[in-house]
């Protein structure tokens, strides 16, 4: 269930109440007259089955409530209610699989902005990946994956395409382009400094690296891994079944590749630089393609109708 709170102008409250009362997926309707101060109006609260949250929000938006009032949704952890169970039974599909589009747009919109923390995290992750490449240490590659924040803009790009939000698409592309460019530049500089300190060398890059040389040698599996990572990441973002390691999975073929690009540029090894850049491009494209297709299926695939099952 989701908790709905509407601040409604006085002239619209009766329409809002009628809409919610007549909707089969809405329960526990409460109205507080003259309770809202800024914006001024009435407060209407209710519980809504997650599967029907999009429908309810869209109907409220058609009434224009969000323009002069507000509409807010929050997930409900525990709800013990016969009427709530009835509302969930009346909603199509399964709550764990339902995508609340307004919620996803807000979450990804925040992640799509080019910010100082985003640049810092991406740069740190890429530097760690560069060191991991030189040392041929998978544990450092995994560490870089943990730090990498790039799935935020990638997810925002996918949502922007599906929802037709050019501004979101532009912000996401800017964050990815500028972010990776700065991260690679910072890693080049850090490699130069580490080399001057005698901590790394060109010979380390040219030496056999059986544990990490896959990073700059893309093949068909690179696309497969990136595609599966995109599907897993988008499902984690859009459904109630999130996984803690999705960020790590997404970074498997992005941040490490950017780190390899940087160290290869530093030491003038064009084959590795181009191979890593190709790996990065292939997997970014695979992740975005998978994300868009996953969202398209979630948005347009018909949802099954549940049979009513009310428990006493």
Protein backbone atom coordinates (compact mmCIF):
# COMPACT_ATOMS: atom_id res chain seq x y z
CA UNK A 1 0.00 0.00 0.00
CA UNK A 2 0.93 3.64 -0.44
CA UNK A 3 -0.17 6.56 1.71
CA UNK A 4 -1.65 9.43 -0.29
CA UNK A 5 -1.83 12.99 1.00
CA UNK A 6 -3.57 15.68 -1.00
CA UNK A 7 -3.70 19.38 -0.17
CA UNK A 8 -6.74 20.48 -2.09
CA UNK A 9 -8.06 24.02 -2.68
CA UNK A 10 -11.47 24.41 -1.08
CA UNK A 11 -13.24 24.48 -4.43
CA UNK A 12 -11.73 21.17 -5.55
CA UNK A 13 -12.07 19.11 -2.40
CA UNK A 14 -15.48 17.65 -3.20
CA UNK A 15 -14.19 16.46 -6.58
CA UNK A 16 -11.09 14.96 -4.98
CA UNK A 17 -13.14 13.15 -2.34
CA UNK A 18 -15.57 11.85 -4.94
CA UNK A 19 -12.73 10.60 -7.11
CA UNK A 20 -11.05 8.76 -4.25
CA UNK A 21 -14.28 7.40 -2.79
CA UNK A 22 -15.32 5.90 -6.12
CA UNK A 23 -11.93 4.36 -6.92
CA UNK A 24 -11.90 0.65 -6.00
CA UNK A 25 -8.17 0.65 -5.12
CA UNK A 26 -8.51 3.44 -2.51
CA UNK A 27 -9.24 2.82 1.17
CA UNK A 28 -9.24 4.58 4.54
CA UNK A 29 -10.28 7.97 3.20
CA UNK A 30 -10.01 10.89 5.64
CA UNK A 31 -10.77 14.59 5.08
CA UNK A 32 -9.50 17.44 7.27
CA UNK A 33 -11.35 20.61 6.35
CA UNK A 34 -9.35 23.89 6.49
CA UNK A 35 -6.30 22.02 7.85
CA UNK A 36 -3.78 23.23 5.29
CA UNK A 37 -2.13 26.64 5.81
CA UNK A 38 0.37 26.94 2.93
CA UNK A 39 -0.97 26.24 0.39
CA UNK A 40 -4.34 27.01 1.91
CA UNK A 41 -7.00 24.34 1.60
CA UNK A 42 -8.22 21.00 2.87
CA UNK A 43 -6.10 17.92 3.59
CA UNK A 44 -7.31 14.62 2.14
CA UNK A 45 -5.49 11.43 3.07
CA UNK A 46 -6.06 7.85 1.96
CA UNK A 47 -4.37 4.52 1.37
CA UNK A 48 -3.91 3.44 -2.24
CA UNK A 49 -2.93 0.05 -3.61
CA UNK A 50 0.53 0.47 -5.15
CA UNK A 51 -0.66 -1.12 -8.39
CA UNK A 52 -3.18 1.69 -8.90
CA UNK A 53 -1.11 4.62 -7.61
CA UNK A 54 -0.34 5.83 -11.14
CA UNK A 55 -4.01 5.85 -12.10
CA UNK A 56 -5.01 7.78 -8.98
CA UNK A 57 -2.24 10.35 -9.38
CA UNK A 58 -3.05 10.91 -13.05
CA UNK A 59 -6.72 11.51 -12.22
CA UNK A 60 -5.75 13.99 -9.51
CA UNK A 61 -3.47 15.80 -11.95
CA UNK A 62 -6.35 16.11 -14.42
CA UNK A 63 -8.25 17.94 -11.68
CA UNK A 64 -5.32 20.36 -11.43
CA UNK A 65 -4.81 19.69 -7.74
CA UNK A 66 -1.02 19.62 -8.06
CA UNK A 67 -0.96 23.12 -9.57
CA UNK A 68 -2.62 24.97 -6.69
CA UNK A 69 -2.19 22.34 -3.95
CA UNK A 70 -0.03 19.26 -3.65
CA UNK A 71 -0.04 15.50 -4.07
CA UNK A 72 2.34 13.31 -2.05
CA UNK A 73 2.86 9.55 -1.95
CA UNK A 74 4.72 7.49 0.66
CA UNK A 75 5.24 3.76 0.92
CA UNK A 76 3.46 2.09 3.82
CA UNK A 77 5.50 -0.51 5.67
CA UNK A 78 2.65 -2.16 7.57
CA UNK A 79 -1.08 -1.72 6.98
CA UNK A 80 -3.64 -3.83 8.83
CA UNK A 81 -7.00 -3.03 7.32
CA UNK A 82 -9.84 -5.03 5.84
CA UNK A 83 -10.75 -2.16 3.55
CA UNK A 84 -7.09 -1.87 2.54
CA UNK A 85 -6.97 -5.57 1.68
CA UNK A 86 -10.11 -5.10 -0.38
CA UNK A 87 -8.50 -2.20 -2.26
CA UNK A 88 -5.38 -4.26 -3.00
CA UNK A 89 -7.49 -7.15 -4.25
CA UNK A 90 -9.34 -4.80 -6.60
CA UNK A 91 -6.12 -3.43 -8.14
CA UNK A 92 -4.62 -5.22 -11.17
CA UNK A 93 -1.24 -6.88 -10.94
CA UNK A 94 1.07 -7.39 -7.98
CA UNK A 95 2.20 -4.63 -5.63
CA UNK A 96 5.80 -5.85 -5.61
CA UNK A 97 6.00 -5.49 -9.39
CA UNK A 98 4.12 -2.21 -9.72
CA UNK A 99 6.00 0.85 -10.98
CA UNK A 100 4.95 4.21 -9.55
CA UNK A 101 6.12 6.51 -12.32
CA UNK A 102 6.02 9.78 -10.43
CA UNK A 103 8.17 8.21 -7.71
CA UNK A 104 10.70 6.90 -10.24
CA UNK A 105 10.85 10.22 -12.09
CA UNK A 106 11.62 12.12 -8.90
CA UNK A 107 14.27 9.65 -7.75
CA UNK A 108 16.07 9.49 -11.09
CA UNK A 109 15.66 13.23 -11.65
CA UNK A 110 17.68 13.91 -8.52
CA UNK A 111 20.35 11.41 -9.59
CA UNK A 112 20.71 12.88 -13.08
CA UNK A 113 22.19 16.21 -12.02
CA UNK A 114 25.86 16.99 -12.49
CA UNK A 115 27.02 17.73 -8.95
CA UNK A 116 30.25 17.95 -7.02
CA UNK A 117 29.57 14.75 -5.02
CA UNK A 118 28.83 12.87 -8.26
CA UNK A 119 32.10 14.05 -9.81
CA UNK A 120 34.06 13.22 -6.66
CA UNK A 121 32.65 9.71 -6.33
CA UNK A 122 33.13 8.95 -10.03
CA UNK A 123 36.69 10.32 -10.02
CA UNK A 124 37.63 8.38 -6.89
CA UNK A 125 36.13 5.20 -8.34
CA UNK A 126 38.03 5.64 -11.59
CA UNK A 127 41.34 6.29 -9.81
CA UNK A 128 40.83 3.13 -7.76
CA UNK A 129 40.04 1.21 -10.95
CA UNK A 130 43.17 2.57 -12.62
CA UNK A 131 45.32 1.35 -9.73
CA UNK A 132 43.52 -1.99 -9.80
CA UNK A 133 44.31 -2.35 -13.51
CA UNK A 134 48.02 -1.65 -12.98
CA UNK A 135 48.25 -4.05 -10.04
CA UNK A 136 46.00 -6.63 -11.74
CA UNK A 137 43.97 -6.77 -8.54
CA UNK A 138 40.27 -7.70 -8.89
CA UNK A 139 39.61 -6.61 -5.30
CA UNK A 140 40.44 -3.02 -6.25
CA UNK A 141 38.22 -3.31 -9.32
CA UNK A 142 35.36 -4.39 -7.07
CA UNK A 143 36.15 -1.47 -4.75
CA UNK A 144 35.85 0.90 -7.69
CA UNK A 145 32.50 -0.67 -8.60
CA UNK A 146 31.18 -0.01 -5.11
CA UNK A 147 32.10 3.68 -5.24
CA UNK A 148 30.93 4.35 -8.81
CA UNK A 149 27.70 6.46 -8.93
CA UNK A 150 27.04 6.29 -12.68
CA UNK A 151 23.85 4.23 -12.58
CA UNK A 152 21.89 7.28 -11.40
CA UNK A 153 22.25 9.23 -14.67
CA UNK A 154 21.94 6.01 -16.71
CA UNK A 155 18.60 5.25 -15.05
CA UNK A 156 17.47 8.85 -15.48
CA UNK A 157 18.29 8.67 -19.18
CA UNK A 158 16.14 5.55 -19.58
CA UNK A 159 13.22 7.06 -17.65
CA UNK A 160 13.52 10.29 -19.64
CA UNK A 161 13.24 8.38 -22.92
CA UNK A 162 10.23 6.33 -21.83
CA UNK A 163 8.42 9.26 -20.22
CA UNK A 164 9.30 11.78 -22.92
CA UNK A 165 11.30 14.17 -20.70
CA UNK A 166 13.92 15.94 -22.89
CA UNK A 167 15.26 17.98 -19.96
CA UNK A 168 15.97 14.83 -17.95
CA UNK A 169 17.66 13.21 -20.95
CA UNK A 170 19.85 16.28 -21.44
CA UNK A 171 20.87 16.42 -17.77
CA UNK A 172 21.69 12.72 -17.71
CA UNK A 173 23.82 12.90 -20.87
CA UNK A 174 25.63 15.95 -19.51
CA UNK A 175 26.35 14.20 -16.20
CA UNK A 176 27.68 11.07 -17.93
CA UNK A 177 29.76 12.89 -20.55
CA UNK A 178 31.30 15.49 -18.27
CA UNK A 179 31.56 13.05 -15.36
CA UNK A 180 33.54 10.40 -17.22
CA UNK A 181 35.71 13.02 -18.97
CA UNK A 182 36.68 14.60 -15.64
CA UNK A 183 37.12 11.21 -13.95
CA UNK A 184 39.48 10.04 -16.71
CA UNK A 185 41.43 13.32 -16.56
CA UNK A 186 41.78 13.05 -12.78
CA UNK A 187 42.95 9.44 -13.13
CA UNK A 188 45.55 10.44 -15.73
CA UNK A 189 46.87 13.08 -13.33
CA UNK A 190 46.89 10.68 -10.39
CA UNK A 191 48.75 8.08 -12.46
CA UNK A 192 51.40 10.65 -13.41
CA UNK A 193 51.86 11.55 -9.75
CA UNK A 194 52.01 7.91 -8.63
CA UNK A 195 54.53 7.20 -11.36
CA UNK A 196 56.68 10.14 -10.26
CA UNK A 197 56.57 8.75 -6.73
CA UNK A 198 57.75 5.37 -8.00
CA UNK A 199 54.57 3.56 -6.97
CA UNK A 200 53.47 2.54 -10.47
CA UNK A 201 55.16 2.23 -13.85
CA UNK A 202 54.54 1.64 -17.55
CA UNK A 203 55.96 -1.86 -17.20
CA UNK A 204 53.08 -2.74 -14.87
CA UNK A 205 50.60 -1.91 -17.63
CA UNK A 206 52.52 -3.87 -20.27
CA UNK A 207 53.05 -6.92 -18.05
CA UNK A 208 50.65 -9.89 -18.32
CA UNK A 209 47.45 -9.13 -16.39
CA UNK A 210 45.31 -12.26 -16.63
CA UNK A 211 42.81 -11.14 -14.00
CA UNK A 212 41.92 -7.75 -15.48
CA UNK A 213 42.85 -7.75 -19.18
CA UNK A 214 39.19 -8.50 -20.06
CA UNK A 215 38.51 -4.83 -19.33
CA UNK A 216 40.16 -3.65 -22.55
CA UNK A 217 39.24 -6.63 -24.73
CA UNK A 218 35.50 -6.31 -25.47
CA UNK A 219 33.65 -9.19 -27.09
CA UNK A 220 30.08 -10.38 -27.50
CA UNK A 221 29.87 -11.18 -23.81
CA UNK A 222 30.57 -7.51 -23.02
CA UNK A 223 27.19 -6.62 -24.52
CA UNK A 224 25.48 -9.54 -22.78
CA UNK A 225 26.88 -8.58 -19.36
CA UNK A 226 26.01 -4.92 -19.85
CA UNK A 227 22.48 -5.79 -21.00
CA UNK A 228 21.83 -8.07 -18.04
CA UNK A 229 23.25 -5.44 -15.69
CA UNK A 230 20.86 -2.88 -17.16
CA UNK A 231 17.84 -5.15 -16.68
CA UNK A 232 18.82 -5.97 -13.10
CA UNK A 233 19.50 -2.35 -12.22
CA UNK A 234 16.22 -1.07 -13.66
CA UNK A 235 14.18 -3.79 -11.96
CA UNK A 236 15.86 -2.91 -8.67
CA UNK A 237 14.99 0.75 -9.16
CA UNK A 238 11.40 0.38 -10.28
CA UNK A 239 10.03 -2.46 -8.17
CA UNK A 240 9.81 -3.16 -4.48
CA UNK A 241 12.35 -5.98 -4.85
CA UNK A 242 15.59 -3.97 -4.68
CA UNK A 243 18.99 -5.60 -4.36
CA UNK A 244 21.89 -4.16 -2.38
CA UNK A 245 24.56 -5.07 -4.96
CA UNK A 246 22.89 -3.61 -8.05
CA UNK A 247 25.31 -0.67 -8.10
CA UNK A 248 28.24 -3.07 -8.10
CA UNK A 249 26.75 -5.03 -10.98
CA UNK A 250 26.20 -1.88 -13.03
CA UNK A 251 29.82 -0.77 -12.56
CA UNK A 252 31.27 -4.11 -13.71
CA UNK A 253 31.98 -2.78 -17.20
CA UNK A 254 31.91 1.02 -16.89
CA UNK A 255 34.16 2.46 -14.17
CA UNK A 256 36.89 -0.21 -14.65
CA UNK A 257 36.95 0.52 -18.38
CA UNK A 258 37.26 4.26 -17.72
CA UNK A 259 40.16 3.58 -15.35
CA UNK A 260 41.91 1.47 -17.99
CA UNK A 261 41.42 4.22 -20.56
CA UNK A 262 43.14 6.69 -18.24
CA UNK A 263 46.22 4.60 -17.44
CA UNK A 264 46.61 3.57 -21.09
CA UNK A 265 46.52 7.23 -22.16
CA UNK A 266 49.05 8.13 -19.48
CA UNK A 267 51.54 5.51 -20.68
CA UNK A 268 50.85 5.90 -24.39
CA UNK A 269 49.39 2.47 -25.07
CA UNK A 270 46.79 3.20 -27.77
CA UNK A 271 45.56 -0.39 -28.18
CA UNK A 272 44.46 -0.57 -24.56
CA UNK A 273 43.08 2.95 -24.61
CA UNK A 274 40.88 2.26 -27.66
CA UNK A 275 39.90 -1.19 -26.43
CA UNK A 276 38.86 0.15 -23.03
CA UNK A 277 36.99 3.08 -24.60
CA UNK A 278 35.13 0.62 -26.83
CA UNK A 279 34.34 -1.54 -23.81
CA UNK A 280 32.97 1.51 -21.99
CA UNK A 281 30.84 2.58 -24.98
CA UNK A 282 29.49 -0.92 -25.62
CA UNK A 283 28.40 -1.43 -22.06
CA UNK A 284 26.92 2.01 -21.58
CA UNK A 285 24.86 1.40 -24.73
CA UNK A 286 23.86 -2.08 -23.54
CA UNK A 287 22.81 -0.83 -20.11
CA UNK A 288 20.71 2.01 -21.57
CA UNK A 289 19.12 -0.28 -24.17
CA UNK A 290 18.23 -2.83 -21.50
CA UNK A 291 16.91 -0.13 -19.19
CA UNK A 292 14.66 1.36 -21.86
CA UNK A 293 13.31 -2.05 -22.90
CA UNK A 294 12.69 -3.03 -19.27
CA UNK A 295 10.78 0.17 -18.60
CA UNK A 296 8.81 -0.23 -21.83
CA UNK A 297 7.71 -3.73 -20.82
CA UNK A 298 6.77 -2.52 -17.33
CA UNK A 299 4.79 0.39 -18.72
CA UNK A 300 2.98 -1.16 -21.67
CA UNK A 301 2.65 -4.87 -20.84
CA UNK A 302 -0.89 -5.72 -19.72
CA UNK A 303 -1.29 -6.53 -16.05
CA UNK A 304 -3.25 -9.50 -14.90
CA UNK A 305 -6.33 -8.95 -12.80
CA UNK A 306 -6.23 -10.42 -9.30
CA UNK A 307 -9.14 -12.42 -8.00
CA UNK A 308 -10.63 -10.77 -4.93
CA UNK A 309 -9.37 -12.39 -1.73
CA UNK A 310 -10.43 -10.65 1.46
CA UNK A 311 -9.21 -12.15 4.69
CA UNK A 312 -11.04 -11.63 7.93
